[in-house]
Amino acid sequence: MIARMWRGRTRAADRDRYLEYLRRTGFPEYAATVGHRGLLAFRRVDGDVAEFLLVTLWDSFDAVRRFAGADVDRAKYYPEDAKYLLEMDPRVTHFELVAAPRLAGRGDDAGDVASLVAP
């Protein structure tokens, strides 16, 4: 499994509007892409800046290509991103997922990401 990591920064005052924008653009496109396995979205505010970290999980680099195109390391932006983001880093980072904790509060293995990783 592949983890694709993207970071973006907005003004703290725009943090909720940008999150809603992500929910209308990138999040649904991730979910609609064959081979997408999940999304973790993080946000932190430090003074006047809000930082977002999106970690998407994919079956393979072929799945990532279906979302991102041939250059999987190139960040994918949407039309209004420039309205919110303080800078637009052209690159993302990928990692191979080798272990993950069981998600708390689940009585089944549906939340056990590690069970999705081939031994």
C-alpha atoms as a PDB file:
ATOM      1  CA  MET A   1       0.000   0.000   0.000  1.00  0.00           C
ATOM      2  CA  ILE A   2       1.212   3.506  -0.840  1.00  0.00           C
ATOM      3  CA  ALA A   3       0.743   6.598   1.329  1.00  0.00           C
ATOM      4  CA  ARG A   4       0.705   9.895  -0.571  1.00  0.00           C
ATOM      5  CA  MET A   5       1.443  12.932   1.591  1.00  0.00           C
ATOM      6  CA  TRP A   6       0.577  16.526   0.711  1.00  0.00           C
ATOM      7  CA  ARG A   7       0.981  19.653   2.841  1.00  0.00           C
ATOM      8  CA  GLY A   8      -0.604  23.051   2.425  1.00  0.00           C
ATOM      9  CA  ARG A   9      -0.792  26.231   4.463  1.00  0.00           C
ATOM     10  CA  THR A  10      -3.550  28.830   4.628  1.00  0.00           C
ATOM     11  CA  ARG A  11      -4.207  31.873   6.744  1.00  0.00           C
ATOM     12  CA  ALA A  12      -5.734  30.694  10.035  1.00  0.00           C
ATOM     13  CA  ALA A  13      -8.816  32.779   9.239  1.00  0.00           C
ATOM     14  CA  ASP A  14      -9.376  30.659   6.090  1.00  0.00           C
ATOM     15  CA  ARG A  15      -8.948  27.253   7.747  1.00  0.00           C
ATOM     16  CA  ASP A  16     -12.627  26.291   7.893  1.00  0.00           C
ATOM     17  CA  ARG A  17     -13.411  27.589   4.396  1.00  0.00           C
ATOM     18  CA  TYR A  18     -10.444  25.699   2.976  1.00  0.00           C
ATOM     19  CA  LEU A  19     -11.443  22.488   4.743  1.00  0.00           C
ATOM     20  CA  GLU A  20     -14.930  22.806   3.274  1.00  0.00           C
ATOM     21  CA  TYR A  21     -13.359  23.412  -0.147  1.00  0.00           C
ATOM     22  CA  LEU A  22     -11.308  20.207   0.231  1.00  0.00           C
ATOM     23  CA  ARG A  23     -14.507  18.345   1.130  1.00  0.00           C
ATOM     24  CA  ARG A  24     -16.068  19.515  -2.158  1.00  0.00           C
ATOM     25  CA  THR A  25     -13.051  18.927  -4.428  1.00  0.00           C
ATOM     26  CA  GLY A  26     -10.161  16.638  -3.530  1.00  0.00           C
ATOM     27  CA  PHE A  27     -11.858  14.391  -0.971  1.00  0.00           C
ATOM     28  CA  PRO A  28     -14.611  13.206  -3.344  1.00  0.00           C
ATOM     29  CA  GLU A  29     -12.127  12.763  -6.197  1.00  0.00           C
ATOM     30  CA  TYR A  30      -9.908  10.587  -4.006  1.00  0.00           C
ATOM     31  CA  ALA A  31     -12.883   8.432  -3.019  1.00  0.00           C
ATOM     32  CA  ALA A  32     -14.022   8.052  -6.633  1.00  0.00           C
ATOM     33  CA  THR A  33     -10.624   6.824  -7.833  1.00  0.00           C
ATOM     34  CA  VAL A  34     -10.242   3.055  -8.206  1.00  0.00           C
ATOM     35  CA  GLY A  35      -7.547   1.871  -5.809  1.00  0.00           C
ATOM     36  CA  HIS A  36      -8.042   4.603  -3.210  1.00  0.00           C
ATOM     37  CA  ARG A  37      -8.120   3.002   0.244  1.00  0.00           C
ATOM     38  CA  GLY A  38      -8.562   5.929   2.620  1.00  0.00           C
ATOM     39  CA  LEU A  39      -7.796   9.454   3.709  1.00  0.00           C
ATOM     40  CA  LEU A  40      -6.342  10.947   6.859  1.00  0.00           C
ATOM     41  CA  ALA A  41      -6.688  14.730   7.033  1.00  0.00           C
ATOM     42  CA  PHE A  42      -4.832  16.695   9.690  1.00  0.00           C
ATOM     43  CA  ARG A  43      -4.912  20.410  10.517  1.00  0.00           C
ATOM     44  CA  ARG A  44      -3.019  22.510  13.016  1.00  0.00           C
ATOM     45  CA  VAL A  45      -3.088  26.217  13.694  1.00  0.00           C
ATOM     46  CA  ASP A  46       0.060  28.057  14.649  1.00  0.00           C
ATOM     47  CA  GLY A  47      -0.620  31.744  15.146  1.00  0.00           C
ATOM     48  CA  ASP A  48      -1.940  33.231  11.917  1.00  0.00           C
ATOM     49  CA  VAL A  49      -1.267  30.106   9.820  1.00  0.00           C
ATOM     50  CA  ALA A  50      -3.181  26.829   9.485  1.00  0.00           C
ATOM     51  CA  GLU A  51      -1.261  23.856   8.140  1.00  0.00           C
ATOM     52  CA  PHE A  52      -2.989  20.915   6.462  1.00  0.00           C
ATOM     53  CA  LEU A  53      -1.497  17.460   6.024  1.00  0.00           C
ATOM     54  CA  LEU A  54      -3.393  15.029   3.819  1.00  0.00           C
ATOM     55  CA  VAL A  55      -2.342  11.393   3.761  1.00  0.00           C
ATOM     56  CA  THR A  56      -4.139   9.307   1.177  1.00  0.00           C
ATOM     57  CA  LEU A  57      -3.782   5.546   0.980  1.00  0.00           C
ATOM     58  CA  TRP A  58      -3.610   3.715  -2.342  1.00  0.00           C
ATOM     59  CA  ASP A  59      -3.401   0.094  -3.462  1.00  0.00           C
ATOM     60  CA  SER A  60      -0.439   0.792  -5.749  1.00  0.00           C
ATOM     61  CA  PHE A  61       1.337   3.438  -7.807  1.00  0.00           C
ATOM     62  CA  ASP A  62      -1.016   2.517 -10.669  1.00  0.00           C
ATOM     63  CA  ALA A  63      -3.877   3.674  -8.435  1.00  0.00           C
ATOM     64  CA  VAL A  64      -2.000   6.879  -7.606  1.00  0.00           C
ATOM     65  CA  ARG A  65      -1.527   7.483 -11.349  1.00  0.00           C
ATOM     66  CA  ARG A  66      -5.277   7.176 -11.898  1.00  0.00           C
ATOM     67  CA  PHE A  67      -5.670  10.116  -9.517  1.00  0.00           C
ATOM     68  CA  ALA A  68      -2.531  12.186 -10.103  1.00  0.00           C
ATOM     69  CA  GLY A  69      -1.495  11.416 -13.662  1.00  0.00           C
ATOM     70  CA  ALA A  70       1.789  10.060 -15.017  1.00  0.00           C
ATOM     71  CA  ASP A  71       4.022  12.126 -12.704  1.00  0.00           C
ATOM     72  CA  VAL A  72       2.881  10.732  -9.354  1.00  0.00           C
ATOM     73  CA  ASP A  73       5.194  13.083  -7.441  1.00  0.00           C
ATOM     74  CA  ARG A  74       3.501  16.166  -8.838  1.00  0.00           C
ATOM     75  CA  ALA A  75       0.926  17.800  -6.554  1.00  0.00           C
ATOM     76  CA  LYS A  76      -2.600  18.077  -7.893  1.00  0.00           C
ATOM     77  CA  TYR A  77      -4.358  21.381  -7.318  1.00  0.00           C
ATOM     78  CA  TYR A  78      -7.893  22.597  -7.904  1.00  0.00           C
ATOM     79  CA  PRO A  79      -9.028  25.927  -9.393  1.00  0.00           C
ATOM     80  CA  GLU A  80      -9.555  27.809  -6.113  1.00  0.00           C
ATOM     81  CA  ASP A  81      -6.510  26.465  -4.250  1.00  0.00           C
ATOM     82  CA  ALA A  82      -4.560  29.622  -5.133  1.00  0.00           C
ATOM     83  CA  LYS A  83      -7.263  31.667  -3.401  1.00  0.00           C
ATOM     84  CA  TYR A  84      -6.517  29.947  -0.070  1.00  0.00           C
ATOM     85  CA  LEU A  85      -2.996  28.540  -0.082  1.00  0.00           C
ATOM     86  CA  LEU A  86      -0.021  30.670   0.955  1.00  0.00           C
ATOM     87  CA  GLU A  87       2.215  28.701  -1.414  1.00  0.00           C
ATOM     88  CA  MET A  88       1.688  25.795  -3.779  1.00  0.00           C
ATOM     89  CA  ASP A  89       4.440  23.217  -3.448  1.00  0.00           C
ATOM     90  CA  PRO A  90       4.676  21.402  -6.782  1.00  0.00           C
ATOM     91  CA  ARG A  91       5.661  18.066  -5.193  1.00  0.00           C
ATOM     92  CA  VAL A  92       4.172  15.467  -2.867  1.00  0.00           C
ATOM     93  CA  THR A  93       5.846  12.600  -1.024  1.00  0.00           C
ATOM     94  CA  HIS A  94       5.106   8.880  -1.190  1.00  0.00           C
ATOM     95  CA  PHE A  95       5.861   6.140   1.301  1.00  0.00           C
ATOM     96  CA  GLU A  96       5.252   2.418   1.267  1.00  0.00           C
ATOM     97  CA  LEU A  97       3.031   1.528   4.219  1.00  0.00           C
ATOM     98  CA  VAL A  98       4.760  -1.267   6.136  1.00  0.00           C
ATOM     99  CA  ALA A  99       2.805  -1.264   9.433  1.00  0.00           C
ATOM    100  CA  ALA A 100      -0.185   0.483  10.957  1.00  0.00           C
ATOM    101  CA  PRO A 101      -2.016   0.309  14.278  1.00  0.00           C
ATOM    102  CA  ARG A 102      -5.472  -1.136  14.700  1.00  0.00           C
ATOM    103  CA  LEU A 103      -7.943   1.737  14.891  1.00  0.00           C
ATOM    104  CA  ALA A 104      -9.366   2.095  18.402  1.00  0.00           C
ATOM    105  CA  GLY A 105     -13.019   1.495  19.132  1.00  0.00           C
ATOM    106  CA  ARG A 106     -13.661  -1.065  16.395  1.00  0.00           C
ATOM    107  CA  GLY A 107     -14.822  -4.561  17.258  1.00  0.00           C
ATOM    108  CA  ASP A 108     -13.897  -5.971  13.847  1.00  0.00           C
ATOM    109  CA  ASP A 109     -10.835  -5.929  11.611  1.00  0.00           C
ATOM    110  CA  ALA A 110     -12.349  -3.380   9.194  1.00  0.00           C
ATOM    111  CA  GLY A 111     -10.263  -0.635  10.778  1.00  0.00           C
ATOM    112  CA  ASP A 112      -7.055  -2.634  10.881  1.00  0.00           C
ATOM    113  CA  VAL A 113      -4.951  -1.057   8.144  1.00  0.00           C
ATOM    114  CA  ALA A 114      -2.119  -3.488   8.874  1.00  0.00           C
ATOM    115  CA  SER A 115      -4.374  -6.343   7.764  1.00  0.00           C
ATOM    116  CA  LEU A 116      -4.528  -4.681   4.339  1.00  0.00           C
ATOM    117  CA  VAL A 117      -0.752  -4.791   3.905  1.00  0.00           C
ATOM    118  CA  ALA A 118       0.668  -7.901   2.306  1.00  0.00           C
ATOM    119  CA  PRO A 119       3.200  -9.712   4.535  1.00  0.00           C
END
